[in-house]
């Protein structure tokens, strides 16, 4: 199979980028999208050119680093997969494929298709963890958790932090990512002790980093490779409102003493 690739090339964050066309031929329909880019890079190196920089690590749909915008969609045309799990059989022979980095002010381009996604790490550092002393590791069945809560928390914890939700959102909102992290901890007893502080800190950090607000287009859920549900956003909003009310009540009590 033969393809025309129109790829965003940008030498650094300070330089202007542009779309550059490349031709790749005799590509097997069964190889992955990244393997196709590997073939292109081997071709460019053999010709004395600069290979295309793109982010990847595990290539197993787990690490979340494969942040490519393919033909106007994060991770490409197939729902529920990361770029590294996308295969060339998803494209027609002779098709023109546009490949760009994530589109978000919070994810500045480092080089070519590589973006700086450390803003998501900063949100996690703000409160996406459990820090209370829980002692030794208890047996799994000694802390009763309702099955519905356990299943919902597990589904939310499946988020790999790739940033597809941000890239898909017209407002570049990180609400799906943040809500997934807030949800999976708030639904479990180990996370409830810090729930009030966690949601306020994470939402505040998200706003500071320049992410937009949710306007309920649901594009994030559609493009999420792990199919994280937007119901997590509603849960986070409830958690946030409850936390603000609790904090105000606590302040009133503290001031009255």
C-alpha atoms as a PDB file:
ATOM      1  CA  UNK A   1       0.000   0.000   0.000  1.00  0.00           C
ATOM      2  CA  UNK A   2       1.169   3.526  -0.819  1.00  0.00           C
ATOM      3  CA  UNK A   3       0.489   6.692   1.161  1.00  0.00           C
ATOM      4  CA  UNK A   4       1.120  10.415   1.004  1.00  0.00           C
ATOM      5  CA  UNK A   5       2.038  11.721   4.450  1.00  0.00           C
ATOM      6  CA  UNK A   6       1.637  15.393   5.264  1.00  0.00           C
ATOM      7  CA  UNK A   7       3.566  15.806   8.509  1.00  0.00           C
ATOM      8  CA  UNK A   8       4.047  18.819  10.758  1.00  0.00           C
ATOM      9  CA  UNK A   9       7.765  19.631  10.967  1.00  0.00           C
ATOM     10  CA  UNK A  10       9.059  22.101  13.534  1.00  0.00           C
ATOM     11  CA  UNK A  11      12.698  22.186  14.653  1.00  0.00           C
ATOM     12  CA  UNK A  12      12.025  23.722  18.061  1.00  0.00           C
ATOM     13  CA  UNK A  13       9.404  25.461  20.145  1.00  0.00           C
ATOM     14  CA  UNK A  14      10.791  28.859  19.111  1.00  0.00           C
ATOM     15  CA  UNK A  15      10.739  28.243  15.351  1.00  0.00           C
ATOM     16  CA  UNK A  16       7.789  28.270  12.980  1.00  0.00           C
ATOM     17  CA  UNK A  17       6.593  24.932  11.686  1.00  0.00           C
ATOM     18  CA  UNK A  18       5.042  23.770   8.442  1.00  0.00           C
ATOM     19  CA  UNK A  19       3.414  20.763   6.822  1.00  0.00           C
ATOM     20  CA  UNK A  20       5.826  18.716   4.699  1.00  0.00           C
ATOM     21  CA  UNK A  21       4.776  15.972   2.252  1.00  0.00           C
ATOM     22  CA  UNK A  22       6.409  12.545   2.087  1.00  0.00           C
ATOM     23  CA  UNK A  23       5.708   9.414   0.067  1.00  0.00           C
ATOM     24  CA  UNK A  24       5.892   5.901   1.497  1.00  0.00           C
ATOM     25  CA  UNK A  25       5.467   2.824  -0.674  1.00  0.00           C
ATOM     26  CA  UNK A  26       4.901  -0.921  -0.295  1.00  0.00           C
ATOM     27  CA  UNK A  27       3.552  -0.552   3.232  1.00  0.00           C
ATOM     28  CA  UNK A  28       1.959  -3.665   4.695  1.00  0.00           C
ATOM     29  CA  UNK A  29      -1.621  -3.210   5.857  1.00  0.00           C
ATOM     30  CA  UNK A  30      -0.816  -5.218   8.981  1.00  0.00           C
ATOM     31  CA  UNK A  31       1.925  -3.023  10.447  1.00  0.00           C
ATOM     32  CA  UNK A  32       1.234  -0.376  13.054  1.00  0.00           C
ATOM     33  CA  UNK A  33       1.163   3.369  12.383  1.00  0.00           C
ATOM     34  CA  UNK A  34       4.410   3.796  14.286  1.00  0.00           C
ATOM     35  CA  UNK A  35       6.099   1.041  12.290  1.00  0.00           C
ATOM     36  CA  UNK A  36       5.093   2.943   9.166  1.00  0.00           C
ATOM     37  CA  UNK A  37       6.720   6.085  10.617  1.00  0.00           C
ATOM     38  CA  UNK A  38       9.808   4.005  11.420  1.00  0.00           C
ATOM     39  CA  UNK A  39      10.008   3.024   7.749  1.00  0.00           C
ATOM     40  CA  UNK A  40       9.669   6.666   6.737  1.00  0.00           C
ATOM     41  CA  UNK A  41      12.463   7.666   9.122  1.00  0.00           C
ATOM     42  CA  UNK A  42      14.756   4.935   7.783  1.00  0.00           C
ATOM     43  CA  UNK A  43      14.050   6.296   4.313  1.00  0.00           C
ATOM     44  CA  UNK A  44      14.829   9.881   5.403  1.00  0.00           C
ATOM     45  CA  UNK A  45      18.059   8.864   7.147  1.00  0.00           C
ATOM     46  CA  UNK A  46      19.190   6.905   4.076  1.00  0.00           C
ATOM     47  CA  UNK A  47      18.613  10.060   2.003  1.00  0.00           C
ATOM     48  CA  UNK A  48      20.597  12.191   4.451  1.00  0.00           C
ATOM     49  CA  UNK A  49      17.560  13.976   5.863  1.00  0.00           C
ATOM     50  CA  UNK A  50      16.303  14.532   9.410  1.00  0.00           C
ATOM     51  CA  UNK A  51      13.984  11.841  10.771  1.00  0.00           C
ATOM     52  CA  UNK A  52      10.563  12.854  12.034  1.00  0.00           C
ATOM     53  CA  UNK A  53      10.515  13.178  15.839  1.00  0.00           C
ATOM     54  CA  UNK A  54       7.531  11.520  17.490  1.00  0.00           C
ATOM     55  CA  UNK A  55       6.916  10.392  21.061  1.00  0.00           C
ATOM     56  CA  UNK A  56       6.567   6.727  21.974  1.00  0.00           C
ATOM     57  CA  UNK A  57       7.603   4.267  24.640  1.00  0.00           C
ATOM     58  CA  UNK A  58       5.767   1.011  25.340  1.00  0.00           C
ATOM     59  CA  UNK A  59       3.862   0.759  22.034  1.00  0.00           C
ATOM     60  CA  UNK A  60       1.301  -1.309  23.932  1.00  0.00           C
ATOM     61  CA  UNK A  61      -1.380   1.326  24.558  1.00  0.00           C
ATOM     62  CA  UNK A  62      -0.333   1.810  28.182  1.00  0.00           C
ATOM     63  CA  UNK A  63       2.155   4.681  28.512  1.00  0.00           C
ATOM     64  CA  UNK A  64       0.044   7.388  26.833  1.00  0.00           C
ATOM     65  CA  UNK A  65       2.962   9.105  25.107  1.00  0.00           C
ATOM     66  CA  UNK A  66       1.842   8.554  21.491  1.00  0.00           C
ATOM     67  CA  UNK A  67       0.243  11.949  21.056  1.00  0.00           C
ATOM     68  CA  UNK A  68      -0.502  12.242  17.339  1.00  0.00           C
ATOM     69  CA  UNK A  69      -3.353  14.096  15.658  1.00  0.00           C
ATOM     70  CA  UNK A  70      -4.175  12.025  12.566  1.00  0.00           C
ATOM     71  CA  UNK A  71      -6.555  13.286   9.885  1.00  0.00           C
ATOM     72  CA  UNK A  72      -8.170  15.663  12.350  1.00  0.00           C
ATOM     73  CA  UNK A  73      -8.632  13.133  15.162  1.00  0.00           C
ATOM     74  CA  UNK A  74      -6.498  12.350  18.225  1.00  0.00           C
ATOM     75  CA  UNK A  75      -4.927   8.898  17.755  1.00  0.00           C
ATOM     76  CA  UNK A  76      -6.567   8.490  14.348  1.00  0.00           C
ATOM     77  CA  UNK A  77      -9.825   7.184  12.874  1.00  0.00           C
ATOM     78  CA  UNK A  78     -10.391   4.111  15.054  1.00  0.00           C
ATOM     79  CA  UNK A  79     -12.189   4.589  18.363  1.00  0.00           C
ATOM     80  CA  UNK A  80     -10.783   3.185  21.578  1.00  0.00           C
ATOM     81  CA  UNK A  81      -7.159   2.757  20.472  1.00  0.00           C
ATOM     82  CA  UNK A  82      -3.930   4.673  20.912  1.00  0.00           C
ATOM     83  CA  UNK A  83      -1.744   5.618  17.943  1.00  0.00           C
ATOM     84  CA  UNK A  84       0.601   2.711  18.614  1.00  0.00           C
ATOM     85  CA  UNK A  85      -2.347   0.297  18.340  1.00  0.00           C
ATOM     86  CA  UNK A  86      -3.544   1.823  15.083  1.00  0.00           C
ATOM     87  CA  UNK A  87      -2.770  -0.293  12.000  1.00  0.00           C
ATOM     88  CA  UNK A  88      -2.381   0.757   8.393  1.00  0.00           C
ATOM     89  CA  UNK A  89      -5.339  -1.398   7.375  1.00  0.00           C
ATOM     90  CA  UNK A  90      -7.448   1.451   8.781  1.00  0.00           C
ATOM     91  CA  UNK A  91      -6.377   3.600   5.813  1.00  0.00           C
ATOM     92  CA  UNK A  92      -7.074   3.190   2.101  1.00  0.00           C
ATOM     93  CA  UNK A  93      -4.356   2.605  -0.473  1.00  0.00           C
ATOM     94  CA  UNK A  94      -3.205   5.944  -1.886  1.00  0.00           C
ATOM     95  CA  UNK A  95      -4.777   7.939   0.947  1.00  0.00           C
ATOM     96  CA  UNK A  96      -3.354  11.275   2.057  1.00  0.00           C
ATOM     97  CA  UNK A  97      -2.712  11.177   5.806  1.00  0.00           C
ATOM     98  CA  UNK A  98      -2.275  14.404   7.794  1.00  0.00           C
ATOM     99  CA  UNK A  99      -0.198  14.006  10.967  1.00  0.00           C
ATOM    100  CA  UNK A 100       0.101  16.790  13.529  1.00  0.00           C
ATOM    101  CA  UNK A 101       1.019  17.204  17.218  1.00  0.00           C
ATOM    102  CA  UNK A 102      -1.594  17.805  19.913  1.00  0.00           C
ATOM    103  CA  UNK A 103      -3.277  21.186  19.534  1.00  0.00           C
ATOM    104  CA  UNK A 104      -3.243  22.937  22.909  1.00  0.00           C
ATOM    105  CA  UNK A 105      -1.547  25.947  24.437  1.00  0.00           C
ATOM    106  CA  UNK A 106      -0.857  23.820  27.510  1.00  0.00           C
ATOM    107  CA  UNK A 107       1.066  21.311  25.335  1.00  0.00           C
ATOM    108  CA  UNK A 108       3.793  23.355  23.589  1.00  0.00           C
ATOM    109  CA  UNK A 109       5.558  21.682  20.678  1.00  0.00           C
ATOM    110  CA  UNK A 110       9.077  20.475  21.495  1.00  0.00           C
ATOM    111  CA  UNK A 111       9.993  19.242  18.018  1.00  0.00           C
ATOM    112  CA  UNK A 112       7.948  17.988  15.072  1.00  0.00           C
ATOM    113  CA  UNK A 113       5.246  15.738  16.557  1.00  0.00           C
ATOM    114  CA  UNK A 114       6.572  15.814  20.125  1.00  0.00           C
ATOM    115  CA  UNK A 115       4.746  17.996  22.644  1.00  0.00           C
ATOM    116  CA  UNK A 116       5.456  18.801  26.279  1.00  0.00           C
ATOM    117  CA  UNK A 117       2.665  17.093  28.228  1.00  0.00           C
ATOM    118  CA  UNK A 118       4.184  17.767  31.646  1.00  0.00           C
ATOM    119  CA  UNK A 119       1.181  19.978  32.508  1.00  0.00           C
ATOM    120  CA  UNK A 120      -0.749  16.777  33.215  1.00  0.00           C
ATOM    121  CA  UNK A 121       2.000  15.657  35.603  1.00  0.00           C
ATOM    122  CA  UNK A 122       1.763  18.972  37.429  1.00  0.00           C
ATOM    123  CA  UNK A 123      -1.963  18.422  37.967  1.00  0.00           C
ATOM    124  CA  UNK A 124      -1.260  14.994  39.442  1.00  0.00           C
ATOM    125  CA  UNK A 125       1.410  16.478  41.707  1.00  0.00           C
ATOM    126  CA  UNK A 126      -1.181  18.949  42.994  1.00  0.00           C
ATOM    127  CA  UNK A 127      -3.285  16.196  44.558  1.00  0.00           C
ATOM    128  CA  UNK A 128      -3.730  13.078  42.434  1.00  0.00           C
ATOM    129  CA  UNK A 129      -2.413  10.700  45.075  1.00  0.00           C
ATOM    130  CA  UNK A 130      -3.079   9.260  48.533  1.00  0.00           C
ATOM    131  CA  UNK A 131      -0.601  10.488  51.136  1.00  0.00           C
ATOM    132  CA  UNK A 132      -2.256   9.450  54.418  1.00  0.00           C
ATOM    133  CA  UNK A 133      -0.480   6.799  56.440  1.00  0.00           C
ATOM    134  CA  UNK A 134      -2.431   3.623  55.764  1.00  0.00           C
ATOM    135  CA  UNK A 135      -0.011   1.292  57.534  1.00  0.00           C
ATOM    136  CA  UNK A 136       0.956  -2.032  56.004  1.00  0.00           C
ATOM    137  CA  UNK A 137      -0.624  -3.544  52.935  1.00  0.00           C
ATOM    138  CA  UNK A 138      -3.994  -4.994  54.026  1.00  0.00           C
ATOM    139  CA  UNK A 139      -5.636  -8.016  52.463  1.00  0.00           C
ATOM    140  CA  UNK A 140      -7.837  -7.020  49.542  1.00  0.00           C
ATOM    141  CA  UNK A 141     -11.034  -8.173  51.221  1.00  0.00           C
ATOM    142  CA  UNK A 142     -10.465  -6.471  54.603  1.00  0.00           C
ATOM    143  CA  UNK A 143     -11.654  -3.079  53.300  1.00  0.00           C
ATOM    144  CA  UNK A 144     -15.227  -3.498  52.057  1.00  0.00           C
ATOM    145  CA  UNK A 145     -15.880  -1.562  48.853  1.00  0.00           C
ATOM    146  CA  UNK A 146     -19.251  -1.746  47.057  1.00  0.00           C
ATOM    147  CA  UNK A 147     -18.800  -3.528  43.725  1.00  0.00           C
ATOM    148  CA  UNK A 148     -20.328  -0.638  41.781  1.00  0.00           C
ATOM    149  CA  UNK A 149     -17.807   1.768  43.325  1.00  0.00           C
ATOM    150  CA  UNK A 150     -14.919  -0.617  42.722  1.00  0.00           C
ATOM    151  CA  UNK A 151     -15.870  -1.125  39.067  1.00  0.00           C
ATOM    152  CA  UNK A 152     -16.401   2.587  38.443  1.00  0.00           C
ATOM    153  CA  UNK A 153     -13.112   3.463  40.151  1.00  0.00           C
ATOM    154  CA  UNK A 154     -11.300   0.838  38.064  1.00  0.00           C
ATOM    155  CA  UNK A 155     -12.781   2.244  34.844  1.00  0.00           C
ATOM    156  CA  UNK A 156     -11.668   5.769  35.793  1.00  0.00           C
ATOM    157  CA  UNK A 157      -8.198   4.532  36.762  1.00  0.00           C
ATOM    158  CA  UNK A 158      -7.775   3.173  33.219  1.00  0.00           C
ATOM    159  CA  UNK A 159      -6.920   6.731  32.083  1.00  0.00           C
ATOM    160  CA  UNK A 160      -3.361   6.743  30.724  1.00  0.00           C
ATOM    161  CA  UNK A 161      -2.966  10.528  30.669  1.00  0.00           C
ATOM    162  CA  UNK A 162      -2.289  10.730  26.937  1.00  0.00           C
ATOM    163  CA  UNK A 163      -4.015  14.099  26.542  1.00  0.00           C
ATOM    164  CA  UNK A 164      -6.342  13.059  23.703  1.00  0.00           C
ATOM    165  CA  UNK A 165      -9.239  14.616  25.616  1.00  0.00           C
ATOM    166  CA  UNK A 166      -7.427  17.959  25.641  1.00  0.00           C
ATOM    167  CA  UNK A 167      -6.584  17.718  21.946  1.00  0.00           C
ATOM    168  CA  UNK A 168     -10.170  16.801  21.028  1.00  0.00           C
ATOM    169  CA  UNK A 169     -11.835  19.511  23.089  1.00  0.00           C
ATOM    170  CA  UNK A 170     -12.545  22.817  21.257  1.00  0.00           C
ATOM    171  CA  UNK A 171     -11.667  24.563  24.541  1.00  0.00           C
ATOM    172  CA  UNK A 172      -8.554  22.438  25.207  1.00  0.00           C
ATOM    173  CA  UNK A 173     -10.087  21.377  28.514  1.00  0.00           C
ATOM    174  CA  UNK A 174      -8.444  18.755  30.715  1.00  0.00           C
ATOM    175  CA  UNK A 175     -11.663  18.015  32.586  1.00  0.00           C
ATOM    176  CA  UNK A 176     -11.916  14.355  31.541  1.00  0.00           C
ATOM    177  CA  UNK A 177      -8.343  13.638  32.624  1.00  0.00           C
ATOM    178  CA  UNK A 178      -8.693  15.435  35.968  1.00  0.00           C
ATOM    179  CA  UNK A 179     -12.115  13.962  36.671  1.00  0.00           C
ATOM    180  CA  UNK A 180     -10.845  10.442  36.007  1.00  0.00           C
ATOM    181  CA  UNK A 181      -8.071  10.933  38.577  1.00  0.00           C
ATOM    182  CA  UNK A 182     -10.429  12.552  41.083  1.00  0.00           C
ATOM    183  CA  UNK A 183     -13.097   9.873  40.571  1.00  0.00           C
ATOM    184  CA  UNK A 184     -11.006   6.779  41.007  1.00  0.00           C
ATOM    185  CA  UNK A 185      -9.652   8.068  44.328  1.00  0.00           C
ATOM    186  CA  UNK A 186     -12.867   9.583  45.669  1.00  0.00           C
ATOM    187  CA  UNK A 187     -14.782   6.338  45.103  1.00  0.00           C
ATOM    188  CA  UNK A 188     -12.393   4.317  47.266  1.00  0.00           C
ATOM    189  CA  UNK A 189     -12.140   4.578  51.079  1.00  0.00           C
ATOM    190  CA  UNK A 190      -8.370   5.129  50.918  1.00  0.00           C
ATOM    191  CA  UNK A 191      -8.942   8.326  48.947  1.00  0.00           C
ATOM    192  CA  UNK A 192     -11.800   9.843  50.926  1.00  0.00           C
ATOM    193  CA  UNK A 193      -9.575  11.252  53.705  1.00  0.00           C
ATOM    194  CA  UNK A 194      -8.076  13.816  51.309  1.00  0.00           C
ATOM    195  CA  UNK A 195     -11.021  14.190  48.930  1.00  0.00           C
ATOM    196  CA  UNK A 196     -11.895  17.768  49.922  1.00  0.00           C
ATOM    197  CA  UNK A 197      -8.363  19.115  49.459  1.00  0.00           C
ATOM    198  CA  UNK A 198      -7.598  16.958  46.415  1.00  0.00           C
ATOM    199  CA  UNK A 199     -10.345  18.153  44.079  1.00  0.00           C
ATOM    200  CA  UNK A 200      -9.808  21.817  44.948  1.00  0.00           C
ATOM    201  CA  UNK A 201      -6.047  21.631  44.437  1.00  0.00           C
ATOM    202  CA  UNK A 202      -6.250  19.717  41.165  1.00  0.00           C
ATOM    203  CA  UNK A 203      -8.918  21.968  39.663  1.00  0.00           C
ATOM    204  CA  UNK A 204      -7.009  25.083  40.732  1.00  0.00           C
ATOM    205  CA  UNK A 205      -3.792  23.754  39.174  1.00  0.00           C
ATOM    206  CA  UNK A 206      -5.642  22.867  35.972  1.00  0.00           C
ATOM    207  CA  UNK A 207      -6.919  26.443  35.693  1.00  0.00           C
ATOM    208  CA  UNK A 208      -3.472  27.900  36.432  1.00  0.00           C
ATOM    209  CA  UNK A 209      -1.891  25.887  33.621  1.00  0.00           C
ATOM    210  CA  UNK A 210      -4.209  27.421  31.030  1.00  0.00           C
ATOM    211  CA  UNK A 211      -6.571  24.568  30.212  1.00  0.00           C
ATOM    212  CA  UNK A 212     -10.046  25.577  29.047  1.00  0.00           C
ATOM    213  CA  UNK A 213     -13.435  24.814  30.550  1.00  0.00           C
ATOM    214  CA  UNK A 214     -15.814  21.997  29.670  1.00  0.00           C
ATOM    215  CA  UNK A 215     -18.727  22.973  27.428  1.00  0.00           C
ATOM    216  CA  UNK A 216     -20.247  19.466  27.167  1.00  0.00           C
ATOM    217  CA  UNK A 217     -19.389  18.658  23.552  1.00  0.00           C
ATOM    218  CA  UNK A 218     -18.399  15.108  24.652  1.00  0.00           C
ATOM    219  CA  UNK A 219     -15.588  15.033  22.069  1.00  0.00           C
ATOM    220  CA  UNK A 220     -13.243  13.974  24.885  1.00  0.00           C
ATOM    221  CA  UNK A 221     -15.170  10.776  25.567  1.00  0.00           C
ATOM    222  CA  UNK A 222     -15.412   9.937  21.861  1.00  0.00           C
ATOM    223  CA  UNK A 223     -11.665  10.307  21.291  1.00  0.00           C
ATOM    224  CA  UNK A 224     -10.427   8.823  24.571  1.00  0.00           C
ATOM    225  CA  UNK A 225      -8.473   5.626  23.768  1.00  0.00           C
ATOM    226  CA  UNK A 226      -9.629   4.101  27.073  1.00  0.00           C
ATOM    227  CA  UNK A 227     -13.250   5.229  26.623  1.00  0.00           C
ATOM    228  CA  UNK A 228     -13.342   7.159  29.910  1.00  0.00           C
ATOM    229  CA  UNK A 229     -16.916   8.316  30.527  1.00  0.00           C
ATOM    230  CA  UNK A 230     -17.907  11.979  30.854  1.00  0.00           C
ATOM    231  CA  UNK A 231     -19.942  10.949  33.909  1.00  0.00           C
ATOM    232  CA  UNK A 232     -16.643  11.376  35.730  1.00  0.00           C
ATOM    233  CA  UNK A 233     -16.787  15.101  34.950  1.00  0.00           C
ATOM    234  CA  UNK A 234     -20.203  15.320  36.587  1.00  0.00           C
ATOM    235  CA  UNK A 235     -18.846  13.457  39.604  1.00  0.00           C
ATOM    236  CA  UNK A 236     -15.874  15.802  39.845  1.00  0.00           C
ATOM    237  CA  UNK A 237     -18.163  18.833  39.675  1.00  0.00           C
ATOM    238  CA  UNK A 238     -20.215  17.413  42.557  1.00  0.00           C
ATOM    239  CA  UNK A 239     -17.032  16.695  44.511  1.00  0.00           C
ATOM    240  CA  UNK A 240     -15.781  20.214  43.855  1.00  0.00           C
ATOM    241  CA  UNK A 241     -19.033  21.870  44.939  1.00  0.00           C
ATOM    242  CA  UNK A 242     -19.200  19.727  48.077  1.00  0.00           C
ATOM    243  CA  UNK A 243     -15.576  20.532  48.872  1.00  0.00           C
ATOM    244  CA  UNK A 244     -16.150  24.289  48.505  1.00  0.00           C
ATOM    245  CA  UNK A 245     -19.234  24.159  50.737  1.00  0.00           C
ATOM    246  CA  UNK A 246     -17.369  22.080  53.322  1.00  0.00           C
ATOM    247  CA  UNK A 247     -14.434  24.496  53.264  1.00  0.00           C
ATOM    248  CA  UNK A 248     -16.741  27.486  53.727  1.00  0.00           C
ATOM    249  CA  UNK A 249     -18.532  25.779  56.616  1.00  0.00           C
ATOM    250  CA  UNK A 250     -15.203  24.864  58.207  1.00  0.00           C
ATOM    251  CA  UNK A 251     -14.022  28.477  57.860  1.00  0.00           C
ATOM    252  CA  UNK A 252     -17.197  29.819  59.517  1.00  0.00           C
ATOM    253  CA  UNK A 253     -16.798  27.410  62.427  1.00  0.00           C
ATOM    254  CA  UNK A 254     -13.105  28.274  62.763  1.00  0.00           C
ATOM    255  CA  UNK A 255     -13.813  32.030  62.747  1.00  0.00           C
ATOM    256  CA  UNK A 256     -16.526  31.663  65.385  1.00  0.00           C
ATOM    257  CA  UNK A 257     -14.208  30.015  67.889  1.00  0.00           C
END
